[in-house]
PDB file of all heavy atoms in Angstrom:
ATOM      1  N   VAL A   1      27.870   0.944 -14.614  1.00  0.00           N
ATOM      2  CA  VAL A   1      28.466   2.259 -15.137  1.00  0.00           C
ATOM      3  C   VAL A   1      28.550   3.196 -13.941  1.00  0.00           C
ATOM      4  O   VAL A   1      29.515   3.875 -13.565  1.00  0.00           O
ATOM      5  CB  VAL A   1      27.737   2.775 -16.246  1.00  0.00           C
ATOM      6  CG1 VAL A   1      28.215   4.205 -16.569  1.00  0.00           C
ATOM      7  CG2 VAL A   1      28.028   1.901 -17.480  1.00  0.00           C
ATOM      8  N   TYR A   2      27.272   3.342 -13.311  1.00  0.00           N
ATOM      9  CA  TYR A   2      27.254   4.423 -12.238  1.00  0.00           C
ATOM     10  C   TYR A   2      28.074   3.924 -10.961  1.00  0.00           C
ATOM     11  O   TYR A   2      28.466   4.892 -10.262  1.00  0.00           O
ATOM     12  CB  TYR A   2      25.765   4.644 -11.863  1.00  0.00           C
ATOM     13  CG  TYR A   2      25.057   5.617 -12.674  1.00  0.00           C
ATOM     14  CD1 TYR A   2      24.694   5.391 -13.985  1.00  0.00           C
ATOM     15  CD2 TYR A   2      24.850   6.890 -12.284  1.00  0.00           C
ATOM     16  CE1 TYR A   2      24.065   6.266 -14.768  1.00  0.00           C
ATOM     17  CE2 TYR A   2      24.250   7.889 -12.987  1.00  0.00           C
ATOM     18  CZ  TYR A   2      23.811   7.609 -14.332  1.00  0.00           C
ATOM     19  OH  TYR A   2      23.224   8.415 -15.079  1.00  0.00           O
ATOM     20  N   ALA A   3      28.403   2.784 -10.786  1.00  0.00           N
ATOM     21  CA  ALA A   3      29.177   2.288  -9.588  1.00  0.00           C
ATOM     22  C   ALA A   3      30.624   2.507  -9.788  1.00  0.00           C
ATOM     23  O   ALA A   3      31.425   2.503  -8.871  1.00  0.00           O
ATOM     24  CB  ALA A   3      28.937   0.801  -9.388  1.00  0.00           C
ATOM     25  N   LYS A   4      31.057   2.937 -11.000  1.00  0.00           N
ATOM     26  CA  LYS A   4      32.466   3.185 -11.266  1.00  0.00           C
ATOM     27  C   LYS A   4      32.846   4.606 -10.549  1.00  0.00           C
ATOM     28  O   LYS A   4      31.869   5.458 -10.488  1.00  0.00           O
ATOM     29  CB  LYS A   4      32.783   3.288 -12.765  1.00  0.00           C
ATOM     30  CG  LYS A   4      32.636   1.950 -13.397  1.00  0.00           C
ATOM     31  CD  LYS A   4      33.482   0.821 -12.919  1.00  0.00           C
ATOM     32  CE  LYS A   4      34.818   0.902 -13.652  1.00  0.00           C
ATOM     33  NZ  LYS A   4      35.774  -0.237 -13.210  1.00  0.00           N
ATOM     34  N   PRO A   5      34.035   4.826 -10.209  1.00  0.00           N
ATOM     35  CA  PRO A   5      34.355   6.122  -9.709  1.00  0.00           C
ATOM     36  C   PRO A   5      34.109   7.238 -10.718  1.00  0.00           C
ATOM     37  O   PRO A   5      34.172   7.058 -11.874  1.00  0.00           O
ATOM     38  CB  PRO A   5      36.080   6.009  -9.506  1.00  0.00           C
ATOM     39  CG  PRO A   5      36.209   4.558  -9.471  1.00  0.00           C
ATOM     40  CD  PRO A   5      35.080   3.947 -10.191  1.00  0.00           C
ATOM     41  N   GLN A   6      33.789   8.461 -10.246  1.00  0.00           N
ATOM     42  CA  GLN A   6      33.497   9.596 -11.055  1.00  0.00           C
ATOM     43  C   GLN A   6      34.409   9.905 -12.145  1.00  0.00           C
ATOM     44  O   GLN A   6      34.182  10.151 -13.287  1.00  0.00           O
ATOM     45  CB  GLN A   6      33.094  10.811 -10.258  1.00  0.00           C
ATOM     46  CG  GLN A   6      32.603  11.918 -11.042  1.00  0.00           C
ATOM     47  CD  GLN A   6      32.228  13.222 -10.297  1.00  0.00           C
ATOM     48  OE1 GLN A   6      32.708  13.293  -9.027  1.00  0.00           O
ATOM     49  NE2 GLN A   6      31.499  14.188 -10.875  1.00  0.00           N
ATOM     50  N   GLN A   7      35.766   9.713 -11.756  1.00  0.00           N
ATOM     51  CA  GLN A   7      36.755  10.033 -12.769  1.00  0.00           C
ATOM     52  C   GLN A   7      36.840   9.058 -13.909  1.00  0.00           C
ATOM     53  O   GLN A   7      37.225   9.421 -15.022  1.00  0.00           O
ATOM     54  CB  GLN A   7      38.243  10.088 -12.061  1.00  0.00           C
ATOM     55  CG  GLN A   7      38.728   8.771 -11.552  1.00  0.00           C
ATOM     56  CD  GLN A   7      38.355   8.536 -10.082  1.00  0.00           C
ATOM     57  OE1 GLN A   7      37.374   9.200  -9.569  1.00  0.00           O
ATOM     58  NE2 GLN A   7      39.183   7.748  -9.440  1.00  0.00           N
ATOM     59  N   ASP A   8      36.248   7.909 -13.678  1.00  0.00           N
ATOM     60  CA  ASP A   8      36.225   6.940 -14.805  1.00  0.00           C
ATOM     61  C   ASP A   8      34.844   7.059 -15.633  1.00  0.00           C
ATOM     62  O   ASP A   8      34.852   6.970 -16.750  1.00  0.00           O
ATOM     63  CB  ASP A   8      36.214   5.552 -14.197  1.00  0.00           C
ATOM     64  CG  ASP A   8      37.673   5.247 -13.739  1.00  0.00           C
ATOM     65  OD1 ASP A   8      38.602   5.928 -14.256  1.00  0.00           O
ATOM     66  OD2 ASP A   8      37.724   4.264 -12.859  1.00  0.00           O
ATOM     67  N   ASN A   9      33.706   7.294 -15.006  1.00  0.00           N
ATOM     68  CA  ASN A   9      32.425   7.198 -15.572  1.00  0.00           C
ATOM     69  C   ASN A   9      31.843   8.582 -16.087  1.00  0.00           C
ATOM     70  O   ASN A   9      30.715   8.702 -16.643  1.00  0.00           O
ATOM     71  CB  ASN A   9      31.445   6.477 -14.736  1.00  0.00           C
ATOM     72  CG  ASN A   9      30.943   7.246 -13.440  1.00  0.00           C
ATOM     73  OD1 ASN A   9      31.193   8.430 -13.379  1.00  0.00           O
ATOM     74  ND2 ASN A   9      30.240   6.556 -12.535  1.00  0.00           N
ATOM     75  N   HIS A  10      32.555   9.692 -15.757  1.00  0.00           N
ATOM     76  CA  HIS A  10      31.971  10.990 -15.916  1.00  0.00           C
ATOM     77  C   HIS A  10      31.501  11.262 -17.347  1.00  0.00           C
ATOM     78  O   HIS A  10      30.373  11.696 -17.547  1.00  0.00           O
ATOM     79  CB  HIS A  10      32.975  12.102 -15.538  1.00  0.00           C
ATOM     80  CG  HIS A  10      32.533  13.491 -15.875  1.00  0.00           C
ATOM     81  ND1 HIS A  10      32.769  14.078 -17.125  1.00  0.00           N
ATOM     82  CD2 HIS A  10      31.974  14.452 -15.207  1.00  0.00           C
ATOM     83  CE1 HIS A  10      32.223  15.308 -17.142  1.00  0.00           C
ATOM     84  NE2 HIS A  10      31.710  15.550 -15.910  1.00  0.00           N
ATOM     85  N   ASP A  11      32.273  10.942 -18.277  1.00  0.00           N
ATOM     86  CA  ASP A  11      31.869  11.280 -19.705  1.00  0.00           C
ATOM     87  C   ASP A  11      30.635  10.431 -20.134  1.00  0.00           C
ATOM     88  O   ASP A  11      29.764  11.005 -20.661  1.00  0.00           O
ATOM     89  CB  ASP A  11      33.005  10.916 -20.601  1.00  0.00           C
ATOM     90  CG  ASP A  11      34.242  11.924 -20.467  1.00  0.00           C
ATOM     91  OD1 ASP A  11      34.009  12.928 -19.771  1.00  0.00           O
ATOM     92  OD2 ASP A  11      35.286  11.595 -20.874  1.00  0.00           O
ATOM     93  N   LEU A  12      30.639   9.231 -19.768  1.00  0.00           N
ATOM     94  CA  LEU A  12      29.406   8.385 -20.176  1.00  0.00           C
ATOM     95  C   LEU A  12      28.194   8.757 -19.439  1.00  0.00           C
ATOM     96  O   LEU A  12      27.203   8.871 -20.012  1.00  0.00           O
ATOM     97  CB  LEU A  12      29.842   6.826 -19.962  1.00  0.00           C
ATOM     98  CG  LEU A  12      28.737   5.826 -20.484  1.00  0.00           C
ATOM     99  CD1 LEU A  12      28.358   6.199 -21.919  1.00  0.00           C
ATOM    100  CD2 LEU A  12      29.318   4.401 -20.297  1.00  0.00           C
ATOM    101  N   VAL A  13      28.368   8.964 -18.162  1.00  0.00           N
ATOM    102  CA  VAL A  13      27.209   9.384 -17.419  1.00  0.00           C
ATOM    103  C   VAL A  13      26.689  10.745 -17.853  1.00  0.00           C
ATOM    104  O   VAL A  13      25.401  10.918 -18.081  1.00  0.00           O
ATOM    105  CB  VAL A  13      27.596   9.457 -15.870  1.00  0.00           C
ATOM    106  CG1 VAL A  13      26.481  10.288 -15.044  1.00  0.00           C
ATOM    107  CG2 VAL A  13      27.824   8.076 -15.309  1.00  0.00           C
ATOM    108  N   GLU A  14      27.564  11.660 -18.234  1.00  0.00           N
ATOM    109  CA  GLU A  14      27.128  12.909 -18.799  1.00  0.00           C
ATOM    110  C   GLU A  14      26.340  12.736 -20.034  1.00  0.00           C
ATOM    111  O   GLU A  14      25.253  13.417 -20.270  1.00  0.00           O
ATOM    112  CB  GLU A  14      28.232  13.820 -19.020  1.00  0.00           C
ATOM    113  CG  GLU A  14      27.918  15.271 -19.284  1.00  0.00           C
ATOM    114  CD  GLU A  14      27.514  15.518 -20.770  1.00  0.00           C
ATOM    115  OE1 GLU A  14      28.114  14.648 -21.690  1.00  0.00           O
ATOM    116  OE2 GLU A  14      26.746  16.354 -21.102  1.00  0.00           O
ATOM    117  N   ARG A  15      26.776  11.940 -20.909  1.00  0.00           N
ATOM    118  CA  ARG A  15      26.090  11.570 -22.175  1.00  0.00           C
ATOM    119  C   ARG A  15      24.704  10.978 -21.864  1.00  0.00           C
ATOM    120  O   ARG A  15      23.701  11.388 -22.437  1.00  0.00           O
ATOM    121  CB  ARG A  15      27.017  10.658 -22.965  1.00  0.00           C
ATOM    122  CG  ARG A  15      26.315  10.127 -24.290  1.00  0.00           C
ATOM    123  CD  ARG A  15      25.872  11.281 -25.226  1.00  0.00           C
ATOM    124  NE  ARG A  15      26.888  12.303 -25.603  1.00  0.00           N
ATOM    125  CZ  ARG A  15      27.622  12.076 -26.659  1.00  0.00           C
ATOM    126  NH1 ARG A  15      27.413  11.055 -27.524  1.00  0.00           N
ATOM    127  NH2 ARG A  15      28.520  13.037 -27.044  1.00  0.00           N
ATOM    128  N   ILE A  16      24.662  10.061 -20.957  1.00  0.00           N
ATOM    129  CA  ILE A  16      23.408   9.390 -20.624  1.00  0.00           C
ATOM    130  C   ILE A  16      22.382  10.430 -20.069  1.00  0.00           C
ATOM    131  O   ILE A  16      21.290  10.474 -20.521  1.00  0.00           O
ATOM    132  CB  ILE A  16      23.615   8.263 -19.635  1.00  0.00           C
ATOM    133  CG1 ILE A  16      24.408   7.095 -20.222  1.00  0.00           C
ATOM    134  CG2 ILE A  16      22.253   7.796 -19.041  1.00  0.00           C
ATOM    135  CD1 ILE A  16      24.929   6.118 -19.195  1.00  0.00           C
ATOM    136  N   GLU A  17      22.820  11.179 -19.138  1.00  0.00           N
ATOM    137  CA  GLU A  17      21.909  12.127 -18.412  1.00  0.00           C
ATOM    138  C   GLU A  17      21.466  13.280 -19.338  1.00  0.00           C
ATOM    139  O   GLU A  17      20.392  13.785 -19.294  1.00  0.00           O
ATOM    140  CB  GLU A  17      22.437  12.587 -17.155  1.00  0.00           C
ATOM    141  CG  GLU A  17      22.483  11.282 -16.135  1.00  0.00           C
ATOM    142  CD  GLU A  17      22.998  11.839 -14.735  1.00  0.00           C
ATOM    143  OE1 GLU A  17      23.271  13.048 -14.571  1.00  0.00           O
ATOM    144  OE2 GLU A  17      22.886  10.935 -13.863  1.00  0.00           O
ATOM    145  N   SER A  18      22.465  13.888 -20.153  1.00  0.00           N
ATOM    146  CA  SER A  18      22.101  14.873 -20.971  1.00  0.00           C
ATOM    147  C   SER A  18      21.083  14.688 -22.042  1.00  0.00           C
ATOM    148  O   SER A  18      20.417  15.467 -22.548  1.00  0.00           O
ATOM    149  CB  SER A  18      23.369  15.513 -21.573  1.00  0.00           C
ATOM    150  OG  SER A  18      23.939  14.582 -22.515  1.00  0.00           O
ATOM    151  N   ARG A  19      20.977  13.338 -22.334  1.00  0.00           N
ATOM    152  CA  ARG A  19      20.024  12.975 -23.346  1.00  0.00           C
ATOM    153  C   ARG A  19      18.706  12.330 -22.712  1.00  0.00           C
ATOM    154  O   ARG A  19      17.920  11.909 -23.465  1.00  0.00           O
ATOM    155  CB  ARG A  19      20.649  11.951 -24.237  1.00  0.00           C
ATOM    156  CG  ARG A  19      21.380  12.504 -25.426  1.00  0.00           C
ATOM    157  CD  ARG A  19      22.606  13.360 -25.175  1.00  0.00           C
ATOM    158  NE  ARG A  19      23.374  13.725 -26.260  1.00  0.00           N
ATOM    159  CZ  ARG A  19      24.357  14.601 -26.250  1.00  0.00           C
ATOM    160  NH1 ARG A  19      24.712  15.193 -25.103  1.00  0.00           N
ATOM    161  NH2 ARG A  19      24.977  14.854 -27.390  1.00  0.00           N
ATOM    162  N   HIS A  20      18.644  12.346 -21.432  1.00  0.00           N
ATOM    163  CA  HIS A  20      17.457  11.876 -20.694  1.00  0.00           C
ATOM    164  C   HIS A  20      17.419  10.240 -20.935  1.00  0.00           C
ATOM    165  O   HIS A  20      16.351   9.701 -20.988  1.00  0.00           O
ATOM    166  CB  HIS A  20      16.180  12.426 -20.994  1.00  0.00           C
ATOM    167  CG  HIS A  20      16.037  13.858 -20.668  1.00  0.00           C
ATOM    168  ND1 HIS A  20      14.874  14.469 -20.492  1.00  0.00           N
ATOM    169  CD2 HIS A  20      17.050  14.883 -20.451  1.00  0.00           C
ATOM    170  CE1 HIS A  20      15.120  15.786 -20.095  1.00  0.00           C
ATOM    171  NE2 HIS A  20      16.381  15.964 -20.096  1.00  0.00           N
ATOM    172  N   GLY A  21      18.588   9.623 -21.097  1.00  0.00           N
ATOM    173  CA  GLY A  21      18.642   8.232 -21.485  1.00  0.00           C
ATOM    174  C   GLY A  21      17.987   7.315 -20.464  1.00  0.00           C
ATOM    175  O   GLY A  21      17.505   6.164 -20.867  1.00  0.00           O
ATOM    176  N   LEU A  22      17.959   7.675 -19.246  1.00  0.00           N
ATOM    177  CA  LEU A  22      17.466   6.867 -18.204  1.00  0.00           C
ATOM    178  C   LEU A  22      15.969   6.616 -18.370  1.00  0.00           C
ATOM    179  O   LEU A  22      15.430   5.697 -17.756  1.00  0.00           O
ATOM    180  CB  LEU A  22      17.711   7.383 -16.794  1.00  0.00           C
ATOM    181  CG  LEU A  22      19.269   7.267 -16.549  1.00  0.00           C
ATOM    182  CD1 LEU A  22      19.573   8.068 -15.128  1.00  0.00           C
ATOM    183  CD2 LEU A  22      19.826   6.033 -16.423  1.00  0.00           C
ATOM    184  N   ARG A  23      15.250   7.437 -19.085  1.00  0.00           N
ATOM    185  CA  ARG A  23      13.886   7.277 -19.470  1.00  0.00           C
ATOM    186  C   ARG A  23      13.629   5.959 -20.185  1.00  0.00           C
ATOM    187  O   ARG A  23      12.558   5.403 -20.051  1.00  0.00           O
ATOM    188  CB  ARG A  23      13.306   8.362 -20.273  1.00  0.00           C
ATOM    189  CG  ARG A  23      11.868   8.346 -20.676  1.00  0.00           C
ATOM    190  CD  ARG A  23      11.067   8.185 -19.302  1.00  0.00           C
ATOM    191  NE  ARG A  23       9.628   8.172 -19.722  1.00  0.00           N
ATOM    192  CZ  ARG A  23       8.565   7.559 -19.008  1.00  0.00           C
ATOM    193  NH1 ARG A  23       8.893   6.895 -17.740  1.00  0.00           N
ATOM    194  NH2 ARG A  23       7.351   7.616 -19.411  1.00  0.00           N
ATOM    195  N   GLN A  24      14.582   5.441 -20.780  1.00  0.00           N
ATOM    196  CA  GLN A  24      14.499   4.084 -21.399  1.00  0.00           C
ATOM    197  C   GLN A  24      14.134   3.008 -20.384  1.00  0.00           C
ATOM    198  O   GLN A  24      13.294   2.212 -20.671  1.00  0.00           O
ATOM    199  CB  GLN A  24      15.876   3.598 -22.060  1.00  0.00           C
ATOM    200  CG  GLN A  24      16.369   4.454 -23.228  1.00  0.00           C
ATOM    201  CD  GLN A  24      17.559   3.905 -23.867  1.00  0.00           C
ATOM    202  OE1 GLN A  24      17.858   2.607 -23.831  1.00  0.00           O
ATOM    203  NE2 GLN A  24      18.567   4.753 -24.310  1.00  0.00           N
ATOM    204  N   LEU A  25      14.818   3.064 -19.263  1.00  0.00           N
ATOM    205  CA  LEU A  25      14.484   2.079 -18.139  1.00  0.00           C
ATOM    206  C   LEU A  25      13.116   2.357 -17.505  1.00  0.00           C
ATOM    207  O   LEU A  25      12.422   1.392 -17.370  1.00  0.00           O
ATOM    208  CB  LEU A  25      15.753   2.139 -17.067  1.00  0.00           C
ATOM    209  CG  LEU A  25      17.051   2.110 -17.664  1.00  0.00           C
ATOM    210  CD1 LEU A  25      18.066   2.255 -16.515  1.00  0.00           C
ATOM    211  CD2 LEU A  25      17.297   0.684 -18.229  1.00  0.00           C
ATOM    212  N   SER A  26      12.810   3.592 -17.166  1.00  0.00           N
ATOM    213  CA  SER A  26      11.643   3.757 -16.434  1.00  0.00           C
ATOM    214  C   SER A  26      10.292   3.524 -17.326  1.00  0.00           C
ATOM    215  O   SER A  26       9.395   2.990 -16.837  1.00  0.00           O
ATOM    216  CB  SER A  26      11.385   5.246 -15.930  1.00  0.00           C
ATOM    217  OG  SER A  26      11.552   6.159 -16.961  1.00  0.00           O
ATOM    218  N   TYR A  27      10.500   3.773 -18.707  1.00  0.00           N
ATOM    219  CA  TYR A  27       9.351   3.564 -19.518  1.00  0.00           C
ATOM    220  C   TYR A  27       9.274   2.027 -19.894  1.00  0.00           C
ATOM    221  O   TYR A  27       8.090   1.473 -19.944  1.00  0.00           O
ATOM    222  CB  TYR A  27       9.491   4.307 -20.872  1.00  0.00           C
ATOM    223  CG  TYR A  27       8.226   4.338 -21.645  1.00  0.00           C
ATOM    224  CD1 TYR A  27       7.044   4.755 -20.988  1.00  0.00           C
ATOM    225  CD2 TYR A  27       8.128   3.927 -22.933  1.00  0.00           C
ATOM    226  CE1 TYR A  27       5.763   4.852 -21.745  1.00  0.00           C
ATOM    227  CE2 TYR A  27       6.921   3.969 -23.649  1.00  0.00           C
ATOM    228  CZ  TYR A  27       5.741   4.364 -23.055  1.00  0.00           C
ATOM    229  OH  TYR A  27       4.601   4.389 -23.747  1.00  0.00           O
ATOM    230  N   MET A  28      10.358   1.204 -19.954  1.00  0.00           N
ATOM    231  CA  MET A  28      10.196  -0.129 -20.025  1.00  0.00           C
ATOM    232  C   MET A  28       9.504  -0.787 -18.863  1.00  0.00           C
ATOM    233  O   MET A  28       8.755  -1.662 -19.034  1.00  0.00           O
ATOM    234  CB  MET A  28      11.639  -0.764 -20.245  1.00  0.00           C
ATOM    235  CG  MET A  28      12.240  -0.733 -21.496  1.00  0.00           C
ATOM    236  SD  MET A  28      13.566  -1.888 -21.774  1.00  0.00           S
ATOM    237  CE  MET A  28      14.877  -1.063 -20.957  1.00  0.00           C
ATOM    238  N   ARG A  29       9.762  -0.211 -17.659  1.00  0.00           N
ATOM    239  CA  ARG A  29       9.079  -0.697 -16.508  1.00  0.00           C
ATOM    240  C   ARG A  29       7.626  -0.469 -16.570  1.00  0.00           C
ATOM    241  O   ARG A  29       6.713  -1.215 -16.332  1.00  0.00           O
ATOM    242  CB  ARG A  29       9.674  -0.018 -15.237  1.00  0.00           C
ATOM    243  CG  ARG A  29       9.067  -0.493 -13.939  1.00  0.00           C
ATOM    244  CD  ARG A  29       9.828  -0.010 -12.700  1.00  0.00           C
ATOM    245  NE  ARG A  29       9.873   1.502 -12.589  1.00  0.00           N
ATOM    246  CZ  ARG A  29      10.787   2.233 -12.801  1.00  0.00           C
ATOM    247  NH1 ARG A  29      12.095   1.690 -13.096  1.00  0.00           N
ATOM    248  NH2 ARG A  29      10.802   3.495 -12.637  1.00  0.00           N
ATOM    249  N   GLU A  30       7.255   0.805 -17.057  1.00  0.00           N
ATOM    250  CA  GLU A  30       5.830   1.109 -17.276  1.00  0.00           C
ATOM    251  C   GLU A  30       5.145   0.261 -18.198  1.00  0.00           C
ATOM    252  O   GLU A  30       3.968  -0.047 -18.123  1.00  0.00           O
ATOM    253  CB  GLU A  30       5.676   2.616 -17.574  1.00  0.00           C
ATOM    254  CG  GLU A  30       6.037   3.547 -16.485  1.00  0.00           C
ATOM    255  CD  GLU A  30       6.194   5.017 -17.035  1.00  0.00           C
ATOM    256  OE1 GLU A  30       5.429   5.337 -18.003  1.00  0.00           O
ATOM    257  OE2 GLU A  30       6.952   5.816 -16.540  1.00  0.00           O
ATOM    258  N   LEU A  31       5.795  -0.184 -19.349  1.00  0.00           N
ATOM    259  CA  LEU A  31       5.346  -0.979 -20.245  1.00  0.00           C
ATOM    260  C   LEU A  31       5.285  -2.472 -19.903  1.00  0.00           C
ATOM    261  O   LEU A  31       4.865  -3.387 -20.640  1.00  0.00           O
ATOM    262  CB  LEU A  31       6.041  -0.932 -21.578  1.00  0.00           C
ATOM    263  CG  LEU A  31       5.930   0.362 -22.448  1.00  0.00           C
ATOM    264  CD1 LEU A  31       6.986   0.444 -23.547  1.00  0.00           C
ATOM    265  CD2 LEU A  31       4.550   0.643 -22.851  1.00  0.00           C
ATOM    266  N   LYS A  32       5.791  -2.838 -18.620  1.00  0.00           N
ATOM    267  CA  LYS A  32       5.911  -4.138 -18.024  1.00  0.00           C
ATOM    268  C   LYS A  32       6.715  -5.074 -18.962  1.00  0.00           C
ATOM    269  O   LYS A  32       6.370  -6.250 -19.212  1.00  0.00           O
ATOM    270  CB  LYS A  32       4.551  -4.666 -17.848  1.00  0.00           C
ATOM    271  CG  LYS A  32       3.635  -3.905 -16.893  1.00  0.00           C
ATOM    272  CD  LYS A  32       2.333  -4.499 -16.542  1.00  0.00           C
ATOM    273  CE  LYS A  32       1.442  -3.501 -15.762  1.00  0.00           C
ATOM    274  NZ  LYS A  32       2.000  -2.946 -14.576  1.00  0.00           N
ATOM    275  N   MET A  33       7.796  -4.497 -19.548  1.00  0.00           N
ATOM    276  CA  MET A  33       8.724  -5.277 -20.348  1.00  0.00           C
ATOM    277  C   MET A  33       9.666  -6.125 -19.586  1.00  0.00           C
ATOM    278  O   MET A  33      10.378  -6.974 -20.170  1.00  0.00           O
ATOM    279  CB  MET A  33       9.480  -4.313 -21.239  1.00  0.00           C
ATOM    280  CG  MET A  33       8.619  -3.613 -22.259  1.00  0.00           C
ATOM    281  SD  MET A  33       9.453  -2.280 -23.332  1.00  0.00           S
ATOM    282  CE  MET A  33      10.608  -3.490 -24.268  1.00  0.00           C
ATOM    283  N   GLY A  34       9.796  -5.929 -18.250  1.00  0.00           N
ATOM    284  CA  GLY A  34      10.779  -6.698 -17.447  1.00  0.00           C
ATOM    285  C   GLY A  34      10.738  -6.244 -16.084  1.00  0.00           C
ATOM    286  O   GLY A  34       9.949  -5.394 -15.674  1.00  0.00           O
ATOM    287  N   ASN A  35      11.824  -6.580 -15.380  1.00  0.00           N
ATOM    288  CA  ASN A  35      11.889  -6.205 -13.901  1.00  0.00           C
ATOM    289  C   ASN A  35      13.217  -5.557 -13.709  1.00  0.00           C
ATOM    290  O   ASN A  35      14.346  -5.954 -14.074  1.00  0.00           O
ATOM    291  CB  ASN A  35      11.882  -7.609 -13.121  1.00  0.00           C
ATOM    292  CG  ASN A  35      11.840  -7.542 -11.644  1.00  0.00           C
ATOM    293  OD1 ASN A  35      11.729  -6.299 -11.118  1.00  0.00           O
ATOM    294  ND2 ASN A  35      11.874  -8.595 -10.976  1.00  0.00           N
ATOM    295  N   ASP A  36      13.151  -4.419 -13.045  1.00  0.00           N
ATOM    296  CA  ASP A  36      14.416  -3.659 -12.686  1.00  0.00           C
ATOM    297  C   ASP A  36      14.959  -4.120 -11.397  1.00  0.00           C
ATOM    298  O   ASP A  36      16.067  -3.743 -10.997  1.00  0.00           O
ATOM    299  CB  ASP A  36      14.198  -2.127 -12.771  1.00  0.00           C
ATOM    300  CG  ASP A  36      13.191  -1.698 -11.717  1.00  0.00           C
ATOM    301  OD1 ASP A  36      12.489  -2.566 -11.101  1.00  0.00           O
ATOM    302  OD2 ASP A  36      13.096  -0.465 -11.474  1.00  0.00           O
ATOM    303  N   LYS A  37      14.340  -5.054 -10.651  1.00  0.00           N
ATOM    304  CA  LYS A  37      14.900  -5.743  -9.535  1.00  0.00           C
ATOM    305  C   LYS A  37      15.581  -6.965  -9.957  1.00  0.00           C
ATOM    306  O   LYS A  37      14.999  -7.769 -10.605  1.00  0.00           O
ATOM    307  CB  LYS A  37      13.842  -6.040  -8.416  1.00  0.00           C
ATOM    308  CG  LYS A  37      12.932  -4.748  -8.148  1.00  0.00           C
ATOM    309  CD  LYS A  37      13.734  -3.762  -7.426  1.00  0.00           C
ATOM    310  CE  LYS A  37      12.869  -2.667  -6.821  1.00  0.00           C
ATOM    311  NZ  LYS A  37      12.035  -2.060  -7.772  1.00  0.00           N
ATOM    312  N   TYR A  38      16.888  -7.124  -9.789  1.00  0.00           N
ATOM    313  CA  TYR A  38      17.542  -8.270 -10.239  1.00  0.00           C
ATOM    314  C   TYR A  38      18.606  -8.787  -9.259  1.00  0.00           C
ATOM    315  O   TYR A  38      19.060  -8.100  -8.361  1.00  0.00           O
ATOM    316  CB  TYR A  38      18.273  -7.957 -11.635  1.00  0.00           C
ATOM    317  CG  TYR A  38      19.243  -6.796 -11.439  1.00  0.00           C
ATOM    318  CD1 TYR A  38      20.622  -7.106 -11.229  1.00  0.00           C
ATOM    319  CD2 TYR A  38      18.929  -5.499 -11.611  1.00  0.00           C
ATOM    320  CE1 TYR A  38      21.587  -6.093 -11.050  1.00  0.00           C
ATOM    321  CE2 TYR A  38      19.802  -4.470 -11.545  1.00  0.00           C
ATOM    322  CZ  TYR A  38      21.149  -4.710 -11.138  1.00  0.00           C
ATOM    323  OH  TYR A  38      22.121  -3.776 -11.035  1.00  0.00           O
ATOM    324  N   GLU A  39      19.041 -10.047  -9.489  1.00  0.00           N
ATOM    325  CA  GLU A  39      20.126 -10.630  -8.784  1.00  0.00           C
ATOM    326  C   GLU A  39      21.258 -10.833  -9.729  1.00  0.00           C
ATOM    327  O   GLU A  39      21.125 -11.437 -10.796  1.00  0.00           O
ATOM    328  CB  GLU A  39      19.732 -11.951  -8.275  1.00  0.00           C
ATOM    329  CG  GLU A  39      20.758 -12.675  -7.403  1.00  0.00           C
ATOM    330  CD  GLU A  39      20.304 -14.055  -6.938  1.00  0.00           C
ATOM    331  OE1 GLU A  39      19.134 -14.531  -7.491  1.00  0.00           O
ATOM    332  OE2 GLU A  39      20.878 -14.749  -6.172  1.00  0.00           O
TER     333      GLU A  39
END
């Protein structure tokens, strides 16, 4: 999503960030639920 041009991803990125949605990812990492490094 973030790799898309700003004119395409602006609305979805704003929704994600205004709700602090990226905390989903960092807390899953803290809980050792998986790996954020991927191929």
